[in-house]
Amino acid sequence: MSKMSLSTRMILVLTLITVLSGGILAGWDTITKPKIAFHRQEALKAAIGDVLPAHDTYSSEETEFGTIYIATRDSSDQPVGVAFMAMGSGFQGELRIMVGLSPEMTQLTGIKVLEQIETPGLGTKIVVDPSNKKDPYWFPAQFRGVHVSPELVVVKNAKPTQNNEVQGITGATISSKAVTDILNNQIANIKTVWTSRGGPES
């Protein structure tokens, strides 16, 4: 009888701990979720500004391939650039990259990797390369002005010689190529959307 009583007490205590823990986690999630969403939205806005040419405002438009952000100057209603989020698989997990394109869809105006879980010290150089003291952001920076036709190409252990080429990261070729593969796929989709809505064609 005493054993049964001890078991019952243990079950009750464990049940109580589980219920309390679940309640605390649910409450904490309620508190942190809006803050995470707010910070993610702020990072998104900053990234849009980073990848687009100088502009005064931008509007958003939902498409079958995600949201596109169309930037304009106050002096003209003609777009100066188009930004969008590109997502796909890297070496270790999903990459989320904000991408800026010229209105003609011919050149990149910039890219910014917002989320990645690549190999520390190697694949993470797609964001920042601490070993390059002169230009730690050389990898994403090199995409600015690069042509997207016929498609982006990674070159290994050499400087690019064509206007659609970017230099890969030594020791992280897979991560480097993952970035260009994601961009090539999503740019093709965005070009289709942009042309169908009457945007400037290349």
C-alpha atoms as a PDB file:
ATOM      1  CA  MET A   1       0.000   0.000   0.000  1.00  0.00           C
ATOM      2  CA  SER A   2       2.834   2.353   0.941  1.00  0.00           C
ATOM      3  CA  LYS A   3       4.590   1.561  -2.355  1.00  0.00           C
ATOM      4  CA  MET A   4       1.408   2.396  -4.274  1.00  0.00           C
ATOM      5  CA  SER A   5       1.124   5.618  -2.321  1.00  0.00           C
ATOM      6  CA  LEU A   6       4.742   6.571  -3.085  1.00  0.00           C
ATOM      7  CA  SER A   7       4.262   5.836  -6.791  1.00  0.00           C
ATOM      8  CA  THR A   8       1.092   7.879  -6.859  1.00  0.00           C
ATOM      9  CA  ARG A   9       2.816  10.796  -5.157  1.00  0.00           C
ATOM     10  CA  MET A  10       5.696  10.618  -7.621  1.00  0.00           C
ATOM     11  CA  ILE A  11       3.299  10.594 -10.571  1.00  0.00           C
ATOM     12  CA  LEU A  12       1.402  13.574  -9.134  1.00  0.00           C
ATOM     13  CA  VAL A  13       4.589  15.533  -8.532  1.00  0.00           C
ATOM     14  CA  LEU A  14       5.906  14.790 -12.032  1.00  0.00           C
ATOM     15  CA  THR A  15       2.540  15.705 -13.549  1.00  0.00           C
ATOM     16  CA  LEU A  16       2.520  18.984 -11.610  1.00  0.00           C
ATOM     17  CA  ILE A  17       6.079  19.796 -12.733  1.00  0.00           C
ATOM     18  CA  THR A  18       5.160  19.022 -16.350  1.00  0.00           C
ATOM     19  CA  VAL A  19       2.053  21.215 -16.214  1.00  0.00           C
ATOM     20  CA  LEU A  20       3.946  24.099 -14.582  1.00  0.00           C
ATOM     21  CA  SER A  21       6.842  23.815 -17.050  1.00  0.00           C
ATOM     22  CA  GLY A  22       4.424  23.781 -19.978  1.00  0.00           C
ATOM     23  CA  GLY A  23       2.642  26.837 -18.611  1.00  0.00           C
ATOM     24  CA  ILE A  24       5.893  28.739 -18.117  1.00  0.00           C
ATOM     25  CA  LEU A  25       7.099  27.889 -21.636  1.00  0.00           C
ATOM     26  CA  ALA A  26       3.758  28.882 -23.155  1.00  0.00           C
ATOM     27  CA  GLY A  27       3.822  32.170 -21.267  1.00  0.00           C
ATOM     28  CA  TRP A  28       7.417  32.844 -22.285  1.00  0.00           C
ATOM     29  CA  ASP A  29       6.558  32.098 -25.904  1.00  0.00           C
ATOM     30  CA  THR A  30       3.702  34.606 -25.734  1.00  0.00           C
ATOM     31  CA  ILE A  31       6.129  37.264 -24.477  1.00  0.00           C
ATOM     32  CA  THR A  32       9.020  36.570 -26.856  1.00  0.00           C
ATOM     33  CA  LYS A  33       7.145  35.782 -30.093  1.00  0.00           C
ATOM     34  CA  PRO A  34       6.076  39.402 -30.833  1.00  0.00           C
ATOM     35  CA  LYS A  35       9.590  40.652 -30.028  1.00  0.00           C
ATOM     36  CA  ILE A  36      11.180  38.108 -32.375  1.00  0.00           C
ATOM     37  CA  ALA A  37       8.694  39.033 -35.110  1.00  0.00           C
ATOM     38  CA  PHE A  38       9.422  42.750 -34.593  1.00  0.00           C
ATOM     39  CA  HIS A  39      13.204  42.297 -34.785  1.00  0.00           C
ATOM     40  CA  ARG A  40      12.877  40.059 -37.856  1.00  0.00           C
ATOM     41  CA  GLN A  41      10.742  42.729 -39.551  1.00  0.00           C
ATOM     42  CA  GLU A  42      13.291  45.431 -38.691  1.00  0.00           C
ATOM     43  CA  ALA A  43      16.105  43.265 -40.090  1.00  0.00           C
ATOM     44  CA  LEU A  44      14.027  42.741 -43.242  1.00  0.00           C
ATOM     45  CA  LYS A  45      13.554  46.505 -43.729  1.00  0.00           C
ATOM     46  CA  ALA A  46      17.260  47.148 -43.190  1.00  0.00           C
ATOM     47  CA  ALA A  47      18.186  44.405 -45.662  1.00  0.00           C
ATOM     48  CA  ILE A  48      15.872  45.839 -48.327  1.00  0.00           C
ATOM     49  CA  GLY A  49      17.628  49.185 -47.942  1.00  0.00           C
ATOM     50  CA  ASP A  50      21.038  47.526 -48.103  1.00  0.00           C
ATOM     51  CA  VAL A  51      20.490  45.659 -51.380  1.00  0.00           C
ATOM     52  CA  LEU A  52      18.651  48.340 -53.373  1.00  0.00           C
ATOM     53  CA  PRO A  53      20.024  51.474 -55.081  1.00  0.00           C
ATOM     54  CA  ALA A  54      19.273  54.873 -53.524  1.00  0.00           C
ATOM     55  CA  HIS A  55      15.494  55.274 -53.223  1.00  0.00           C
ATOM     56  CA  ASP A  56      12.919  57.289 -51.309  1.00  0.00           C
ATOM     57  CA  THR A  57      10.284  54.644 -50.790  1.00  0.00           C
ATOM     58  CA  TYR A  58       9.283  51.124 -51.707  1.00  0.00           C
ATOM     59  CA  SER A  59       6.034  49.250 -52.070  1.00  0.00           C
ATOM     60  CA  SER A  60       5.425  45.535 -51.629  1.00  0.00           C
ATOM     61  CA  GLU A  61       3.531  43.162 -53.871  1.00  0.00           C
ATOM     62  CA  GLU A  62       2.583  39.548 -53.216  1.00  0.00           C
ATOM     63  CA  THR A  63       3.378  37.077 -55.992  1.00  0.00           C
ATOM     64  CA  GLU A  64       3.250  33.322 -56.401  1.00  0.00           C
ATOM     65  CA  PHE A  65       6.993  33.284 -55.628  1.00  0.00           C
ATOM     66  CA  GLY A  66       6.827  35.476 -52.529  1.00  0.00           C
ATOM     67  CA  THR A  67       6.828  39.197 -51.816  1.00  0.00           C
ATOM     68  CA  ILE A  68       8.666  41.616 -54.087  1.00  0.00           C
ATOM     69  CA  TYR A  69       9.667  45.104 -52.929  1.00  0.00           C
ATOM     70  CA  ILE A  70       9.640  47.775 -55.632  1.00  0.00           C
ATOM     71  CA  ALA A  71      11.777  50.844 -54.913  1.00  0.00           C
ATOM     72  CA  THR A  72      11.155  54.287 -56.451  1.00  0.00           C
ATOM     73  CA  ARG A  73      12.430  57.871 -56.190  1.00  0.00           C
ATOM     74  CA  ASP A  74      10.063  60.733 -55.372  1.00  0.00           C
ATOM     75  CA  SER A  75      11.033  62.481 -58.614  1.00  0.00           C
ATOM     76  CA  SER A  76       9.805  59.535 -60.714  1.00  0.00           C
ATOM     77  CA  ASP A  77       7.333  56.710 -60.459  1.00  0.00           C
ATOM     78  CA  GLN A  78       9.688  54.447 -62.414  1.00  0.00           C
ATOM     79  CA  PRO A  79      11.277  51.649 -60.347  1.00  0.00           C
ATOM     80  CA  VAL A  80      14.962  51.976 -59.496  1.00  0.00           C
ATOM     81  CA  GLY A  81      15.233  48.419 -58.204  1.00  0.00           C
ATOM     82  CA  VAL A  82      13.374  45.325 -57.083  1.00  0.00           C
ATOM     83  CA  ALA A  83      14.159  43.310 -53.936  1.00  0.00           C
ATOM     84  CA  PHE A  84      12.971  39.866 -52.868  1.00  0.00           C
ATOM     85  CA  MET A  85      13.797  37.078 -50.456  1.00  0.00           C
ATOM     86  CA  ALA A  86      15.512  34.013 -51.895  1.00  0.00           C
ATOM     87  CA  MET A  87      15.565  30.811 -49.864  1.00  0.00           C
ATOM     88  CA  GLY A  88      17.127  27.422 -50.386  1.00  0.00           C
ATOM     89  CA  SER A  89      19.523  24.810 -49.058  1.00  0.00           C
ATOM     90  CA  GLY A  90      23.084  25.599 -48.081  1.00  0.00           C
ATOM     91  CA  PHE A  91      25.738  23.108 -46.955  1.00  0.00           C
ATOM     92  CA  GLN A  92      24.319  22.765 -43.424  1.00  0.00           C
ATOM     93  CA  GLY A  93      20.772  24.119 -43.637  1.00  0.00           C
ATOM     94  CA  GLU A  94      18.477  26.732 -45.116  1.00  0.00           C
ATOM     95  CA  LEU A  95      19.819  30.064 -46.371  1.00  0.00           C
ATOM     96  CA  ARG A  96      17.645  33.192 -46.473  1.00  0.00           C
ATOM     97  CA  ILE A  97      19.059  35.895 -48.734  1.00  0.00           C
ATOM     98  CA  MET A  98      17.676  39.345 -49.491  1.00  0.00           C
ATOM     99  CA  VAL A  99      18.386  40.099 -53.153  1.00  0.00           C
ATOM    100  CA  GLY A 100      18.299  43.363 -55.093  1.00  0.00           C
ATOM    101  CA  LEU A 101      17.934  43.516 -58.884  1.00  0.00           C
ATOM    102  CA  SER A 102      17.950  46.313 -61.425  1.00  0.00           C
ATOM    103  CA  PRO A 103      14.485  47.106 -62.901  1.00  0.00           C
ATOM    104  CA  GLU A 104      15.651  45.548 -66.185  1.00  0.00           C
ATOM    105  CA  MET A 105      16.423  42.311 -64.301  1.00  0.00           C
ATOM    106  CA  THR A 106      19.915  42.274 -65.791  1.00  0.00           C
ATOM    107  CA  GLN A 107      22.190  43.044 -62.816  1.00  0.00           C
ATOM    108  CA  LEU A 108      22.290  42.473 -59.097  1.00  0.00           C
ATOM    109  CA  THR A 109      22.231  45.637 -57.007  1.00  0.00           C
ATOM    110  CA  GLY A 110      23.228  43.730 -53.875  1.00  0.00           C
ATOM    111  CA  ILE A 111      22.650  40.692 -51.675  1.00  0.00           C
ATOM    112  CA  LYS A 112      22.508  40.187 -47.911  1.00  0.00           C
ATOM    113  CA  VAL A 113      22.436  36.796 -46.188  1.00  0.00           C
ATOM    114  CA  LEU A 114      19.953  37.100 -43.339  1.00  0.00           C
ATOM    115  CA  GLU A 115      19.969  33.548 -41.988  1.00  0.00           C
ATOM    116  CA  GLN A 116      22.450  30.698 -42.284  1.00  0.00           C
ATOM    117  CA  ILE A 117      23.901  27.831 -40.232  1.00  0.00           C
ATOM    118  CA  GLU A 118      26.943  27.106 -42.371  1.00  0.00           C
ATOM    119  CA  THR A 119      30.250  25.712 -41.055  1.00  0.00           C
ATOM    120  CA  PRO A 120      31.832  28.268 -38.666  1.00  0.00           C
ATOM    121  CA  GLY A 121      34.990  29.806 -40.105  1.00  0.00           C
ATOM    122  CA  LEU A 122      34.308  28.455 -43.602  1.00  0.00           C
ATOM    123  CA  GLY A 123      30.750  28.607 -44.901  1.00  0.00           C
ATOM    124  CA  THR A 124      29.943  31.526 -42.597  1.00  0.00           C
ATOM    125  CA  LYS A 125      32.230  33.633 -44.802  1.00  0.00           C
ATOM    126  CA  ILE A 126      29.247  34.061 -47.117  1.00  0.00           C
ATOM    127  CA  VAL A 127      28.258  36.710 -44.531  1.00  0.00           C
ATOM    128  CA  VAL A 128      31.567  37.981 -43.176  1.00  0.00           C
ATOM    129  CA  ASP A 129      35.163  36.800 -43.545  1.00  0.00           C
ATOM    130  CA  PRO A 130      37.166  37.748 -40.417  1.00  0.00           C
ATOM    131  CA  SER A 131      40.356  36.412 -42.044  1.00  0.00           C
ATOM    132  CA  ASN A 132      40.169  39.165 -44.677  1.00  0.00           C
ATOM    133  CA  LYS A 133      41.153  42.200 -42.616  1.00  0.00           C
ATOM    134  CA  LYS A 134      40.984  44.635 -45.556  1.00  0.00           C
ATOM    135  CA  ASP A 135      37.503  43.651 -46.735  1.00  0.00           C
ATOM    136  CA  PRO A 136      35.671  41.187 -44.441  1.00  0.00           C
ATOM    137  CA  TYR A 137      32.451  41.572 -46.471  1.00  0.00           C
ATOM    138  CA  TRP A 138      34.129  40.853 -49.804  1.00  0.00           C
ATOM    139  CA  PHE A 139      31.987  37.816 -50.673  1.00  0.00           C
ATOM    140  CA  PRO A 140      28.515  39.435 -50.616  1.00  0.00           C
ATOM    141  CA  ALA A 141      29.940  42.768 -51.827  1.00  0.00           C
ATOM    142  CA  GLN A 142      31.218  41.247 -55.079  1.00  0.00           C
ATOM    143  CA  PHE A 143      27.655  40.485 -56.215  1.00  0.00           C
ATOM    144  CA  ARG A 144      26.842  44.177 -56.655  1.00  0.00           C
ATOM    145  CA  GLY A 145      26.763  44.929 -60.387  1.00  0.00           C
ATOM    146  CA  VAL A 146      27.177  41.297 -61.462  1.00  0.00           C
ATOM    147  CA  HIS A 147      25.087  40.285 -64.486  1.00  0.00           C
ATOM    148  CA  VAL A 148      22.516  37.532 -63.985  1.00  0.00           C
ATOM    149  CA  SER A 149      22.375  36.259 -67.576  1.00  0.00           C
ATOM    150  CA  PRO A 150      22.800  33.579 -68.686  1.00  0.00           C
ATOM    151  CA  GLU A 151      23.257  32.735 -64.970  1.00  0.00           C
ATOM    152  CA  LEU A 152      25.583  33.395 -62.037  1.00  0.00           C
ATOM    153  CA  VAL A 153      28.729  31.255 -62.000  1.00  0.00           C
ATOM    154  CA  VAL A 154      31.213  30.569 -59.176  1.00  0.00           C
ATOM    155  CA  VAL A 155      34.901  30.449 -60.110  1.00  0.00           C
ATOM    156  CA  LYS A 156      37.368  28.639 -57.826  1.00  0.00           C
ATOM    157  CA  ASN A 157      40.807  29.929 -56.830  1.00  0.00           C
ATOM    158  CA  ALA A 158      40.731  32.721 -59.403  1.00  0.00           C
ATOM    159  CA  LYS A 159      39.427  36.204 -59.983  1.00  0.00           C
ATOM    160  CA  PRO A 160      36.284  36.470 -62.143  1.00  0.00           C
ATOM    161  CA  THR A 161      36.905  37.289 -65.807  1.00  0.00           C
ATOM    162  CA  GLN A 162      33.261  37.413 -66.966  1.00  0.00           C
ATOM    163  CA  ASN A 163      30.551  39.818 -65.817  1.00  0.00           C
ATOM    164  CA  ASN A 164      28.346  36.953 -64.562  1.00  0.00           C
ATOM    165  CA  GLU A 165      31.053  35.363 -62.387  1.00  0.00           C
ATOM    166  CA  VAL A 166      31.798  35.603 -58.657  1.00  0.00           C
ATOM    167  CA  GLN A 167      34.782  34.251 -56.759  1.00  0.00           C
ATOM    168  CA  GLY A 168      34.124  31.282 -54.495  1.00  0.00           C
ATOM    169  CA  ILE A 169      35.332  31.031 -50.908  1.00  0.00           C
ATOM    170  CA  THR A 170      38.400  28.828 -50.512  1.00  0.00           C
ATOM    171  CA  GLY A 171      37.410  25.773 -48.475  1.00  0.00           C
ATOM    172  CA  ALA A 172      33.710  26.578 -48.773  1.00  0.00           C
ATOM    173  CA  THR A 173      32.924  26.002 -52.430  1.00  0.00           C
ATOM    174  CA  ILE A 174      29.648  24.235 -51.588  1.00  0.00           C
ATOM    175  CA  SER A 175      28.373  27.208 -49.566  1.00  0.00           C
ATOM    176  CA  SER A 176      29.515  29.616 -52.286  1.00  0.00           C
ATOM    177  CA  LYS A 177      27.742  27.641 -54.988  1.00  0.00           C
ATOM    178  CA  ALA A 178      24.654  27.223 -52.813  1.00  0.00           C
ATOM    179  CA  VAL A 179      24.278  31.014 -52.807  1.00  0.00           C
ATOM    180  CA  THR A 180      24.486  31.284 -56.602  1.00  0.00           C
ATOM    181  CA  ASP A 181      22.203  28.267 -57.136  1.00  0.00           C
ATOM    182  CA  ILE A 182      19.543  29.824 -54.888  1.00  0.00           C
ATOM    183  CA  LEU A 183      19.875  33.164 -56.670  1.00  0.00           C
ATOM    184  CA  ASN A 184      19.735  31.633 -60.149  1.00  0.00           C
ATOM    185  CA  ASN A 185      16.558  29.702 -59.318  1.00  0.00           C
ATOM    186  CA  GLN A 186      14.741  32.575 -57.665  1.00  0.00           C
ATOM    187  CA  ILE A 187      15.842  35.222 -60.179  1.00  0.00           C
ATOM    188  CA  ALA A 188      14.327  33.125 -62.974  1.00  0.00           C
ATOM    189  CA  ASN A 189      11.015  33.076 -61.078  1.00  0.00           C
ATOM    190  CA  ILE A 190      11.081  36.810 -60.322  1.00  0.00           C
ATOM    191  CA  LYS A 191      11.870  37.614 -63.965  1.00  0.00           C
ATOM    192  CA  THR A 192       8.732  35.722 -64.991  1.00  0.00           C
ATOM    193  CA  VAL A 193       6.608  37.641 -62.484  1.00  0.00           C
ATOM    194  CA  TRP A 194       8.169  40.994 -63.406  1.00  0.00           C
ATOM    195  CA  THR A 195       7.658  40.518 -67.132  1.00  0.00           C
ATOM    196  CA  SER A 196       4.036  39.388 -66.663  1.00  0.00           C
ATOM    197  CA  ARG A 197       3.194  42.543 -64.690  1.00  0.00           C
ATOM    198  CA  GLY A 198       4.685  44.795 -67.367  1.00  0.00           C
ATOM    199  CA  GLY A 199       8.014  45.598 -65.752  1.00  0.00           C
ATOM    200  CA  PRO A 200      10.980  46.663 -67.945  1.00  0.00           C
ATOM    201  CA  GLU A 201      12.438  43.754 -69.869  1.00  0.00           C
ATOM    202  CA  SER A 202      16.112  43.090 -70.379  1.00  0.00           C
END
